[in-house]
Each structure stands twice: as C-alpha cells, then as structure tokens.
Amino acid sequence: MNIINNWKIIILLCLTLGLAPFFPEPHIWGKLRWVYGGAIGMKFMDWFDLVLHGFPFVLFIRLLILKLKDLLNP
C-alpha cells in the first residue's frame, strides 16, 4: 500500500500538521480567514504556510474522491 493512500497516515497528518498549533485557534483556520478577508498584507511566507498546513487536507479530500469513485463504479 502506498503511503499517500493510507487513511491512518492522512488523518494523522490532518490532525497534527494540518491543525497545529492548536491554541488559540488552528493555524490553517486563521490563514483561511485571512484569505477570505482579502489576503491583505499576506507575504510569500504566509502563502507557503497556508499550503504547508493545507496539504494534508488536500490529500484527505483526494482520498475521499478516489474512494467514492470506487464505490460508484464497481
């Protein structure tokens, strides 16, 4: 089994790297609110941080789509 298709690894990445630091709010949540607010003042490092913390969720959504596709097309 490929590591990129392992549910356990992907969920662990989402809960650790994706949500870290946890307090006062998950980092990804703050970055998404910043982008939704117009991304005024965001620098390259902020965009890189958004990609870094968002990548586990991209993998998770990709895995969900692949599993749903397999279920709908047996």
PDB file of N, CA and C in Angstrom:
ATOM      1  N   MET A   1       0.844  -1.188   0.000  1.00  0.00           N
ATOM      2  CA  MET A   1       0.000   0.000   0.000  1.00  0.00           C
ATOM      3  C   MET A   1       0.883   1.243   0.000  1.00  0.00           C
ATOM      4  N   ASN A   2       0.513   2.172  -0.826  1.00  0.00           N
ATOM      5  CA  ASN A   2       1.244   3.415  -0.950  1.00  0.00           C
ATOM      6  C   ASN A   2       0.933   4.322   0.244  1.00  0.00           C
ATOM      7  N   ILE A   3       1.932   5.023   0.752  1.00  0.00           N
ATOM      8  CA  ILE A   3       1.737   5.880   1.929  1.00  0.00           C
ATOM      9  C   ILE A   3       0.763   7.028   1.650  1.00  0.00           C
ATOM     10  N   ILE A   4       0.690   7.470   0.414  1.00  0.00           N
ATOM     11  CA  ILE A   4      -0.201   8.585   0.068  1.00  0.00           C
ATOM     12  C   ILE A   4      -1.664   8.142   0.034  1.00  0.00           C
ATOM     13  N   ASN A   5      -1.919   6.844   0.044  1.00  0.00           N
ATOM     14  CA  ASN A   5      -3.279   6.311   0.053  1.00  0.00           C
ATOM     15  C   ASN A   5      -3.634   5.649   1.376  1.00  0.00           C
ATOM     16  N   ASN A   6      -2.844   5.883   2.400  1.00  0.00           N
ATOM     17  CA  ASN A   6      -3.080   5.273   3.709  1.00  0.00           C
ATOM     18  C   ASN A   6      -3.940   6.211   4.557  1.00  0.00           C
ATOM     19  N   TRP A   7      -5.162   5.768   4.880  1.00  0.00           N
ATOM     20  CA  TRP A   7      -6.103   6.582   5.650  1.00  0.00           C
ATOM     21  C   TRP A   7      -5.516   7.027   6.980  1.00  0.00           C
ATOM     22  N   LYS A   8      -4.854   6.093   7.671  1.00  0.00           N
ATOM     23  CA  LYS A   8      -4.336   6.396   9.008  1.00  0.00           C
ATOM     24  C   LYS A   8      -3.288   7.502   8.966  1.00  0.00           C
ATOM     25  N   ILE A   9      -2.399   7.443   7.996  1.00  0.00           N
ATOM     26  CA  ILE A   9      -1.350   8.454   7.866  1.00  0.00           C
ATOM     27  C   ILE A   9      -1.960   9.808   7.505  1.00  0.00           C
ATOM     28  N   ILE A  10      -2.901   9.819   6.576  1.00  0.00           N
ATOM     29  CA  ILE A  10      -3.522  11.064   6.127  1.00  0.00           C
ATOM     30  C   ILE A  10      -4.283  11.732   7.284  1.00  0.00           C
ATOM     31  N   ILE A  11      -5.041  10.960   8.037  1.00  0.00           N
ATOM     32  CA  ILE A  11      -5.784  11.519   9.168  1.00  0.00           C
ATOM     33  C   ILE A  11      -4.823  12.028  10.240  1.00  0.00           C
ATOM     34  N   LEU A  12      -3.746  11.299  10.492  1.00  0.00           N
ATOM     35  CA  LEU A  12      -2.740  11.754  11.448  1.00  0.00           C
ATOM     36  C   LEU A  12      -2.117  13.072  10.994  1.00  0.00           C
ATOM     37  N   LEU A  13      -1.824  13.196   9.705  1.00  0.00           N
ATOM     38  CA  LEU A  13      -1.274  14.452   9.175  1.00  0.00           C
ATOM     39  C   LEU A  13      -2.269  15.606   9.324  1.00  0.00           C
ATOM     40  N   CYS A  14      -3.538  15.332   9.066  1.00  0.00           N
ATOM     41  CA  CYS A  14      -4.555  16.381   9.202  1.00  0.00           C
ATOM     42  C   CYS A  14      -4.669  16.858  10.643  1.00  0.00           C
ATOM     43  N   LEU A  15      -4.623  15.914  11.580  1.00  0.00           N
ATOM     44  CA  LEU A  15      -4.793  16.273  12.988  1.00  0.00           C
ATOM     45  C   LEU A  15      -3.551  16.907  13.593  1.00  0.00           C
ATOM     46  N   THR A  16      -2.378  16.649  13.038  1.00  0.00           N
ATOM     47  CA  THR A  16      -1.151  17.210  13.601  1.00  0.00           C
ATOM     48  C   THR A  16      -0.693  18.413  12.785  1.00  0.00           C
ATOM     49  N   LEU A  17      -0.126  18.184  11.621  1.00  0.00           N
ATOM     50  CA  LEU A  17       0.408  19.263  10.795  1.00  0.00           C
ATOM     51  C   LEU A  17      -0.700  20.194  10.310  1.00  0.00           C
ATOM     52  N   GLY A  18      -1.827  19.635   9.960  1.00  0.00           N
ATOM     53  CA  GLY A  18      -2.916  20.453   9.427  1.00  0.00           C
ATOM     54  C   GLY A  18      -3.504  21.421  10.432  1.00  0.00           C
ATOM     55  N   LEU A  19      -3.591  21.020  11.690  1.00  0.00           N
ATOM     56  CA  LEU A  19      -4.228  21.866  12.694  1.00  0.00           C
ATOM     57  C   LEU A  19      -3.254  22.552  13.640  1.00  0.00           C
ATOM     58  N   ALA A  20      -1.981  22.217  13.589  1.00  0.00           N
ATOM     59  CA  ALA A  20      -1.009  22.792  14.521  1.00  0.00           C
ATOM     60  C   ALA A  20      -0.752  24.245  14.193  1.00  0.00           C
ATOM     61  N   PRO A  21      -0.444  25.108  15.114  1.00  0.00           N
ATOM     62  CA  PRO A  21      -0.642  24.969  16.559  1.00  0.00           C
ATOM     63  C   PRO A  21      -2.133  25.051  16.899  1.00  0.00           C
ATOM     64  N   PHE A  22      -2.520  24.412  17.947  1.00  0.00           N
ATOM     65  CA  PHE A  22      -3.933  24.251  18.279  1.00  0.00           C
ATOM     66  C   PHE A  22      -4.533  25.459  19.013  1.00  0.00           C
ATOM     67  N   PHE A  23      -3.709  26.196  19.747  1.00  0.00           N
ATOM     68  CA  PHE A  23      -4.209  27.311  20.549  1.00  0.00           C
ATOM     69  C   PHE A  23      -3.579  28.606  20.087  1.00  0.00           C
ATOM     70  N   PRO A  24      -4.240  29.693  19.979  1.00  0.00           N
ATOM     71  CA  PRO A  24      -5.633  29.939  20.364  1.00  0.00           C
ATOM     72  C   PRO A  24      -6.631  29.424  19.328  1.00  0.00           C
ATOM     73  N   GLU A  25      -6.182  29.175  18.100  1.00  0.00           N
ATOM     74  CA  GLU A  25      -7.026  28.559  17.067  1.00  0.00           C
ATOM     75  C   GLU A  25      -6.102  27.814  16.116  1.00  0.00           C
ATOM     76  N   PRO A  26      -6.627  26.816  15.399  1.00  0.00           N
ATOM     77  CA  PRO A  26      -5.776  26.129  14.410  1.00  0.00           C
ATOM     78  C   PRO A  26      -5.212  27.107  13.385  1.00  0.00           C
ATOM     79  N   HIS A  27      -3.963  26.928  13.060  1.00  0.00           N
ATOM     80  CA  HIS A  27      -3.247  27.839  12.178  1.00  0.00           C
ATOM     81  C   HIS A  27      -3.908  27.931  10.801  1.00  0.00           C
ATOM     82  N   ILE A  28      -4.333  26.807  10.281  1.00  0.00           N
ATOM     83  CA  ILE A  28      -4.961  26.785   8.955  1.00  0.00           C
ATOM     84  C   ILE A  28      -6.245  27.619   8.962  1.00  0.00           C
ATOM     85  N   TRP A  29      -6.974  27.589  10.058  1.00  0.00           N
ATOM     86  CA  TRP A  29      -8.222  28.348  10.163  1.00  0.00           C
ATOM     87  C   TRP A  29      -7.939  29.849  10.094  1.00  0.00           C
ATOM     88  N   GLY A  30      -6.897  30.292  10.797  1.00  0.00           N
ATOM     89  CA  GLY A  30      -6.523  31.699  10.758  1.00  0.00           C
ATOM     90  C   GLY A  30      -6.090  32.144   9.368  1.00  0.00           C
ATOM     91  N   LYS A  31      -5.330  31.290   8.679  1.00  0.00           N
ATOM     92  CA  LYS A  31      -4.886  31.628   7.321  1.00  0.00           C
ATOM     93  C   LYS A  31      -6.059  31.679   6.350  1.00  0.00           C
ATOM     94  N   LEU A  32      -6.991  30.743   6.473  1.00  0.00           N
ATOM     95  CA  LEU A  32      -8.165  30.742   5.597  1.00  0.00           C
ATOM     96  C   LEU A  32      -9.037  31.977   5.826  1.00  0.00           C
ATOM     97  N   ARG A  33      -9.179  32.388   7.088  1.00  0.00           N
ATOM     98  CA  ARG A  33      -9.942  33.606   7.369  1.00  0.00           C
ATOM     99  C   ARG A  33      -9.240  34.822   6.781  1.00  0.00           C
ATOM    100  N   TRP A  34      -7.916  34.812   6.810  1.00  0.00           N
ATOM    101  CA  TRP A  34      -7.137  35.911   6.259  1.00  0.00           C
ATOM    102  C   TRP A  34      -7.343  36.003   4.739  1.00  0.00           C
ATOM    103  N   VAL A  35      -7.306  34.853   4.069  1.00  0.00           N
ATOM    104  CA  VAL A  35      -7.529  34.824   2.617  1.00  0.00           C
ATOM    105  C   VAL A  35      -8.960  35.249   2.301  1.00  0.00           C
ATOM    106  N   TYR A  36      -9.924  34.755   3.066  1.00  0.00           N
ATOM    107  CA  TYR A  36     -11.321  35.113   2.846  1.00  0.00           C
ATOM    108  C   TYR A  36     -11.550  36.606   3.039  1.00  0.00           C
ATOM    109  N   GLY A  37     -10.767  37.211   3.916  1.00  0.00           N
ATOM    110  CA  GLY A  37     -10.874  38.646   4.168  1.00  0.00           C
ATOM    111  C   GLY A  37     -10.160  39.497   3.144  1.00  0.00           C
ATOM    112  N   GLY A  38      -9.585  38.883   2.122  1.00  0.00           N
ATOM    113  CA  GLY A  38      -8.942  39.647   1.066  1.00  0.00           C
ATOM    114  C   GLY A  38      -7.442  39.444   0.972  1.00  0.00           C
ATOM    115  N   ALA A  39      -6.872  38.732   1.922  1.00  0.00           N
ATOM    116  CA  ALA A  39      -5.430  38.421   1.927  1.00  0.00           C
ATOM    117  C   ALA A  39      -4.567  39.672   1.917  1.00  0.00           C
ATOM    118  N   ILE A  40      -5.078  40.736   2.504  1.00  0.00           N
ATOM    119  CA  ILE A  40      -4.328  41.993   2.546  1.00  0.00           C
ATOM    120  C   ILE A  40      -3.153  41.836   3.507  1.00  0.00           C
ATOM    121  N   GLY A  41      -1.971  42.099   3.005  1.00  0.00           N
ATOM    122  CA  GLY A  41      -0.775  42.015   3.833  1.00  0.00           C
ATOM    123  C   GLY A  41      -0.109  40.656   3.862  1.00  0.00           C
ATOM    124  N   MET A  42      -0.659  39.678   3.147  1.00  0.00           N
ATOM    125  CA  MET A  42      -0.035  38.349   3.138  1.00  0.00           C
ATOM    126  C   MET A  42       1.237  38.388   2.307  1.00  0.00           C
ATOM    127  N   LYS A  43       2.274  37.827   2.864  1.00  0.00           N
ATOM    128  CA  LYS A  43       3.563  37.740   2.183  1.00  0.00           C
ATOM    129  C   LYS A  43       3.776  36.300   1.710  1.00  0.00           C
ATOM    130  N   PHE A  44       4.892  36.076   1.014  1.00  0.00           N
ATOM    131  CA  PHE A  44       5.184  34.744   0.490  1.00  0.00           C
ATOM    132  C   PHE A  44       5.186  33.696   1.595  1.00  0.00           C
ATOM    133  N   MET A  45       5.763  34.012   2.738  1.00  0.00           N
ATOM    134  CA  MET A  45       5.836  33.050   3.839  1.00  0.00           C
ATOM    135  C   MET A  45       4.443  32.659   4.330  1.00  0.00           C
ATOM    136  N   ASP A  46       3.513  33.600   4.332  1.00  0.00           N
ATOM    137  CA  ASP A  46       2.141  33.299   4.748  1.00  0.00           C
ATOM    138  C   ASP A  46       1.460  32.355   3.758  1.00  0.00           C
ATOM    139  N   TRP A  47       1.682  32.590   2.462  1.00  0.00           N
ATOM    140  CA  TRP A  47       1.110  31.697   1.451  1.00  0.00           C
ATOM    141  C   TRP A  47       1.727  30.305   1.553  1.00  0.00           C
ATOM    142  N   PHE A  48       3.044  30.249   1.754  1.00  0.00           N
ATOM    143  CA  PHE A  48       3.715  28.961   1.911  1.00  0.00           C
ATOM    144  C   PHE A  48       3.180  28.229   3.138  1.00  0.00           C
ATOM    145  N   ASP A  49       2.947  28.964   4.203  1.00  0.00           N
ATOM    146  CA  ASP A  49       2.398  28.391   5.427  1.00  0.00           C
ATOM    147  C   ASP A  49       0.998  27.828   5.186  1.00  0.00           C
ATOM    148  N   LEU A  50       0.197  28.549   4.410  1.00  0.00           N
ATOM    149  CA  LEU A  50      -1.144  28.071   4.073  1.00  0.00           C
ATOM    150  C   LEU A  50      -1.072  26.759   3.286  1.00  0.00           C
ATOM    151  N   VAL A  51      -0.169  26.701   2.317  1.00  0.00           N
ATOM    152  CA  VAL A  51      -0.002  25.477   1.518  1.00  0.00           C
ATOM    153  C   VAL A  51       0.498  24.333   2.400  1.00  0.00           C
ATOM    154  N   LEU A  52       1.460  24.613   3.263  1.00  0.00           N
ATOM    155  CA  LEU A  52       2.020  23.579   4.126  1.00  0.00           C
ATOM    156  C   LEU A  52       0.966  22.987   5.056  1.00  0.00           C
ATOM    157  N   HIS A  53       0.186  23.851   5.705  1.00  0.00           N
ATOM    158  CA  HIS A  53      -0.827  23.363   6.638  1.00  0.00           C
ATOM    159  C   HIS A  53      -2.062  22.822   5.922  1.00  0.00           C
ATOM    160  N   GLY A  54      -2.287  23.233   4.678  1.00  0.00           N
ATOM    161  CA  GLY A  54      -3.450  22.775   3.940  1.00  0.00           C
ATOM    162  C   GLY A  54      -3.240  21.491   3.156  1.00  0.00           C
ATOM    163  N   PHE A  55      -1.986  21.143   2.891  1.00  0.00           N
ATOM    164  CA  PHE A  55      -1.698  19.961   2.069  1.00  0.00           C
ATOM    165  C   PHE A  55      -2.278  18.661   2.618  1.00  0.00           C
ATOM    166  N   PRO A  56      -2.227  18.393   3.940  1.00  0.00           N
ATOM    167  CA  PRO A  56      -2.853  17.163   4.432  1.00  0.00           C
ATOM    168  C   PRO A  56      -4.348  17.089   4.125  1.00  0.00           C
ATOM    169  N   PHE A  57      -5.026  18.229   4.159  1.00  0.00           N
ATOM    170  CA  PHE A  57      -6.457  18.233   3.853  1.00  0.00           C
ATOM    171  C   PHE A  57      -6.707  17.999   2.369  1.00  0.00           C
ATOM    172  N   VAL A  58      -5.802  18.472   1.527  1.00  0.00           N
ATOM    173  CA  VAL A  58      -5.891  18.195   0.088  1.00  0.00           C
ATOM    174  C   VAL A  58      -5.746  16.691  -0.147  1.00  0.00           C
ATOM    175  N   LEU A  59      -4.790  16.065   0.537  1.00  0.00           N
ATOM    176  CA  LEU A  59      -4.623  14.610   0.419  1.00  0.00           C
ATOM    177  C   LEU A  59      -5.866  13.874   0.902  1.00  0.00           C
ATOM    178  N   PHE A  60      -6.468  14.356   1.993  1.00  0.00           N
ATOM    179  CA  PHE A  60      -7.668  13.732   2.546  1.00  0.00           C
ATOM    180  C   PHE A  60      -8.833  13.828   1.564  1.00  0.00           C
ATOM    181  N   ILE A  61      -9.033  14.994   0.977  1.00  0.00           N
ATOM    182  CA  ILE A  61     -10.122  15.179   0.006  1.00  0.00           C
ATOM    183  C   ILE A  61      -9.874  14.324  -1.226  1.00  0.00           C
ATOM    184  N   ARG A  62      -8.623  14.246  -1.665  1.00  0.00           N
ATOM    185  CA  ARG A  62      -8.259  13.396  -2.802  1.00  0.00           C
ATOM    186  C   ARG A  62      -8.593  11.935  -2.513  1.00  0.00           C
ATOM    187  N   LEU A  63      -8.272  11.487  -1.319  1.00  0.00           N
ATOM    188  CA  LEU A  63      -8.545  10.099  -0.946  1.00  0.00           C
ATOM    189  C   LEU A  63     -10.048   9.842  -0.869  1.00  0.00           C
ATOM    190  N   LEU A  64     -10.803  10.803  -0.355  1.00  0.00           N
ATOM    191  CA  LEU A  64     -12.260  10.665  -0.321  1.00  0.00           C
ATOM    192  C   LEU A  64     -12.840  10.545  -1.728  1.00  0.00           C
ATOM    193  N   ILE A  65     -12.376  11.377  -2.634  1.00  0.00           N
ATOM    194  CA  ILE A  65     -12.863  11.337  -4.015  1.00  0.00           C
ATOM    195  C   ILE A  65     -12.540   9.995  -4.659  1.00  0.00           C
ATOM    196  N   LEU A  66     -11.330   9.501  -4.444  1.00  0.00           N
ATOM    197  CA  LEU A  66     -10.959   8.205  -5.016  1.00  0.00           C
ATOM    198  C   LEU A  66     -11.804   7.070  -4.469  1.00  0.00           C
ATOM    199  N   LYS A  67     -12.077   7.094  -3.165  1.00  0.00           N
ATOM    200  CA  LYS A  67     -12.887   6.040  -2.554  1.00  0.00           C
ATOM    201  C   LYS A  67     -14.346   6.120  -3.027  1.00  0.00           C
ATOM    202  N   LEU A  68     -14.882   7.343  -3.149  1.00  0.00           N
ATOM    203  CA  LEU A  68     -16.246   7.491  -3.655  1.00  0.00           C
ATOM    204  C   LEU A  68     -16.355   7.052  -5.101  1.00  0.00           C
ATOM    205  N   LYS A  69     -15.315   7.354  -5.871  1.00  0.00           N
ATOM    206  CA  LYS A  69     -15.308   6.920  -7.272  1.00  0.00           C
ATOM    207  C   LYS A  69     -15.311   5.397  -7.382  1.00  0.00           C
ATOM    208  N   ASP A  70     -14.544   4.743  -6.507  1.00  0.00           N
ATOM    209  CA  ASP A  70     -14.519   3.274  -6.487  1.00  0.00           C
ATOM    210  C   ASP A  70     -15.860   2.696  -6.073  1.00  0.00           C
ATOM    211  N   LEU A  71     -16.538   3.353  -5.140  1.00  0.00           N
ATOM    212  CA  LEU A  71     -17.845   2.863  -4.684  1.00  0.00           C
ATOM    213  C   LEU A  71     -18.914   3.016  -5.763  1.00  0.00           C
ATOM    214  N   LEU A  72     -18.854   4.109  -6.501  1.00  0.00           N
ATOM    215  CA  LEU A  72     -19.886   4.367  -7.515  1.00  0.00           C
ATOM    216  C   LEU A  72     -19.650   3.601  -8.814  1.00  0.00           C
ATOM    217  N   ASN A  73     -18.394   3.230  -9.087  1.00  0.00           N
ATOM    218  CA  ASN A  73     -18.061   2.497 -10.309  1.00  0.00           C
ATOM    219  C   ASN A  73     -17.381   1.180  -9.933  1.00  0.00           C
ATOM    220  N   PRO A  74     -18.175   0.169  -9.604  1.00  0.00           N
ATOM    221  CA  PRO A  74     -17.568  -1.110  -9.180  1.00  0.00           C
ATOM    222  C   PRO A  74     -16.923  -1.882 -10.288  1.00  0.00           C
TER     223      PRO A  74
END
